[in-house]
Amino acid sequence: MRDLVDAGSFPDEDADEESIERTQHLLERVAAPVTDEEARALAMIFGPDNCYGMSWTLLHLIETAPGAHTAHYPTHPKNLWRDLLNNRVATEK
């Protein structure tokens, strides 16, 4: 999990194949469920787009945290994924 977070934001879909594959490999190594602290850290690495479906995988991984259904994730004007997480929490209340 730490390696994925340390790698930084997901690349966009225009990135080179090596960057996409490295991100996929790191993501696949993270075991669910994650802790609330891990979920908050993971929420910070969404990239600008879907990253070939990996952003959805990351979102679902974050939602395995015990407090995911009541959490609030920091928003960012250029990152709709965190907004989506917060909207999913809001609709469950």
C-alpha atoms as a PDB file:
ATOM      1  CA  MET A   1       0.000   0.000   0.000  1.00  0.00           C
ATOM      2  CA  ARG A   2       2.783   2.394   0.925  1.00  0.00           C
ATOM      3  CA  ASP A   3       4.539   1.806  -2.417  1.00  0.00           C
ATOM      4  CA  LEU A   4       1.372   2.759  -4.298  1.00  0.00           C
ATOM      5  CA  VAL A   5       0.908   5.951  -2.285  1.00  0.00           C
ATOM      6  CA  ASP A   6       4.604   6.812  -2.573  1.00  0.00           C
ATOM      7  CA  ALA A   7       4.391   6.444  -6.368  1.00  0.00           C
ATOM      8  CA  GLY A   8       2.079   9.471  -6.417  1.00  0.00           C
ATOM      9  CA  SER A   9      -0.960  10.239  -8.510  1.00  0.00           C
ATOM     10  CA  PHE A  10      -2.212   7.777 -11.082  1.00  0.00           C
ATOM     11  CA  PRO A  11      -0.996   8.566 -14.582  1.00  0.00           C
ATOM     12  CA  ASP A  12      -3.508   9.676 -17.155  1.00  0.00           C
ATOM     13  CA  GLU A  13      -4.509   7.437 -20.027  1.00  0.00           C
ATOM     14  CA  ASP A  14      -2.040   9.210 -22.325  1.00  0.00           C
ATOM     15  CA  ALA A  15       0.924   8.104 -20.191  1.00  0.00           C
ATOM     16  CA  ASP A  16       3.461   5.607 -21.462  1.00  0.00           C
ATOM     17  CA  GLU A  17       2.690   1.911 -21.150  1.00  0.00           C
ATOM     18  CA  GLU A  18       5.382   1.392 -18.499  1.00  0.00           C
ATOM     19  CA  SER A  19       3.792   3.945 -16.149  1.00  0.00           C
ATOM     20  CA  ILE A  20       0.355   2.386 -16.576  1.00  0.00           C
ATOM     21  CA  GLU A  21       1.679  -1.125 -15.962  1.00  0.00           C
ATOM     22  CA  ARG A  22       3.668  -0.029 -12.887  1.00  0.00           C
ATOM     23  CA  THR A  23       0.567   1.581 -11.398  1.00  0.00           C
ATOM     24  CA  GLN A  24      -1.510  -1.507 -12.143  1.00  0.00           C
ATOM     25  CA  HIS A  25       1.077  -3.758 -10.503  1.00  0.00           C
ATOM     26  CA  LEU A  26       1.219  -1.619  -7.359  1.00  0.00           C
ATOM     27  CA  LEU A  27      -2.577  -1.426  -7.163  1.00  0.00           C
ATOM     28  CA  GLU A  28      -2.934  -5.195  -7.499  1.00  0.00           C
ATOM     29  CA  ARG A  29      -0.590  -5.686  -4.522  1.00  0.00           C
ATOM     30  CA  VAL A  30      -2.880  -3.835  -2.100  1.00  0.00           C
ATOM     31  CA  ALA A  31      -5.029  -6.226  -0.101  1.00  0.00           C
ATOM     32  CA  ALA A  32      -8.548  -5.356   0.958  1.00  0.00           C
ATOM     33  CA  PRO A  33      -9.831  -4.311   3.349  1.00  0.00           C
ATOM     34  CA  VAL A  34      -7.779  -1.194   3.952  1.00  0.00           C
ATOM     35  CA  THR A  35      -7.752   0.801   7.163  1.00  0.00           C
ATOM     36  CA  ASP A  36      -9.382   4.228   7.421  1.00  0.00           C
ATOM     37  CA  GLU A  37      -5.935   5.821   7.453  1.00  0.00           C
ATOM     38  CA  GLU A  38      -4.925   3.904   4.338  1.00  0.00           C
ATOM     39  CA  ALA A  39      -8.192   4.898   2.635  1.00  0.00           C
ATOM     40  CA  ARG A  40      -7.478   8.581   3.263  1.00  0.00           C
ATOM     41  CA  ALA A  41      -3.971   8.191   1.815  1.00  0.00           C
ATOM     42  CA  LEU A  42      -5.259   6.274  -1.204  1.00  0.00           C
ATOM     43  CA  ALA A  43      -7.884   8.943  -1.900  1.00  0.00           C
ATOM     44  CA  MET A  44      -5.077  11.403  -2.545  1.00  0.00           C
ATOM     45  CA  ILE A  45      -3.579   9.478  -5.487  1.00  0.00           C
ATOM     46  CA  PHE A  46      -6.435   9.556  -7.979  1.00  0.00           C
ATOM     47  CA  GLY A  47      -5.277  10.830 -11.332  1.00  0.00           C
ATOM     48  CA  PRO A  48      -7.106  13.065 -13.782  1.00  0.00           C
ATOM     49  CA  ASP A  49      -9.044  10.309 -15.542  1.00  0.00           C
ATOM     50  CA  ASN A  50     -10.186   6.691 -15.315  1.00  0.00           C
ATOM     51  CA  CYS A  51      -6.675   5.293 -15.951  1.00  0.00           C
ATOM     52  CA  TYR A  52      -8.109   2.337 -17.887  1.00  0.00           C
ATOM     53  CA  GLY A  53     -10.462   1.373 -15.065  1.00  0.00           C
ATOM     54  CA  MET A  54      -7.889   1.521 -12.297  1.00  0.00           C
ATOM     55  CA  SER A  55      -9.522   4.585 -10.742  1.00  0.00           C
ATOM     56  CA  TRP A  56     -12.691   2.560 -10.230  1.00  0.00           C
ATOM     57  CA  THR A  57     -10.642  -0.236  -8.677  1.00  0.00           C
ATOM     58  CA  LEU A  58      -9.016   2.298  -6.353  1.00  0.00           C
ATOM     59  CA  LEU A  59     -12.398   3.771  -5.413  1.00  0.00           C
ATOM     60  CA  HIS A  60     -13.781   0.329  -4.543  1.00  0.00           C
ATOM     61  CA  LEU A  61     -10.633  -0.464  -2.552  1.00  0.00           C
ATOM     62  CA  ILE A  62     -11.051   2.749  -0.542  1.00  0.00           C
ATOM     63  CA  GLU A  63     -14.649   1.770   0.137  1.00  0.00           C
ATOM     64  CA  THR A  64     -13.462  -1.395   1.931  1.00  0.00           C
ATOM     65  CA  ALA A  65     -12.253   0.705   4.877  1.00  0.00           C
ATOM     66  CA  PRO A  66     -14.421   0.318   8.002  1.00  0.00           C
ATOM     67  CA  GLY A  67     -15.259   4.024   8.123  1.00  0.00           C
ATOM     68  CA  ALA A  68     -15.636   4.521   4.384  1.00  0.00           C
ATOM     69  CA  HIS A  69     -19.396   5.027   4.566  1.00  0.00           C
ATOM     70  CA  THR A  70     -19.074   7.980   6.928  1.00  0.00           C
ATOM     71  CA  ALA A  71     -15.736   9.438   5.827  1.00  0.00           C
ATOM     72  CA  HIS A  72     -15.104  12.796   4.216  1.00  0.00           C
ATOM     73  CA  TYR A  73     -12.294  13.018   1.684  1.00  0.00           C
ATOM     74  CA  PRO A  74     -10.553  16.306   0.811  1.00  0.00           C
ATOM     75  CA  THR A  75     -11.874  17.668  -2.457  1.00  0.00           C
ATOM     76  CA  HIS A  76      -9.833  19.082  -5.289  1.00  0.00           C
ATOM     77  CA  PRO A  77     -11.235  21.171  -8.150  1.00  0.00           C
ATOM     78  CA  LYS A  78      -9.404  19.103 -10.764  1.00  0.00           C
ATOM     79  CA  ASN A  79     -10.125  15.707  -9.246  1.00  0.00           C
ATOM     80  CA  LEU A  80     -13.670  14.463  -9.578  1.00  0.00           C
ATOM     81  CA  TRP A  81     -12.853  11.072  -8.049  1.00  0.00           C
ATOM     82  CA  ARG A  82     -12.715  12.460  -4.512  1.00  0.00           C
ATOM     83  CA  ASP A  83     -15.993  14.261  -5.171  1.00  0.00           C
ATOM     84  CA  LEU A  84     -17.465  10.961  -6.320  1.00  0.00           C
ATOM     85  CA  LEU A  85     -16.323   9.282  -3.087  1.00  0.00           C
ATOM     86  CA  ASN A  86     -17.925  12.021  -1.001  1.00  0.00           C
ATOM     87  CA  ASN A  87     -21.134  11.866  -3.043  1.00  0.00           C
ATOM     88  CA  ARG A  88     -21.333   8.103  -2.528  1.00  0.00           C
ATOM     89  CA  VAL A  89     -20.956   8.628   1.238  1.00  0.00           C
ATOM     90  CA  ALA A  90     -23.651  11.323   1.216  1.00  0.00           C
ATOM     91  CA  THR A  91     -26.168   9.116  -0.598  1.00  0.00           C
ATOM     92  CA  GLU A  92     -25.693   6.315   1.943  1.00  0.00           C
ATOM     93  CA  LYS A  93     -26.612   8.500   4.904  1.00  0.00           C
END
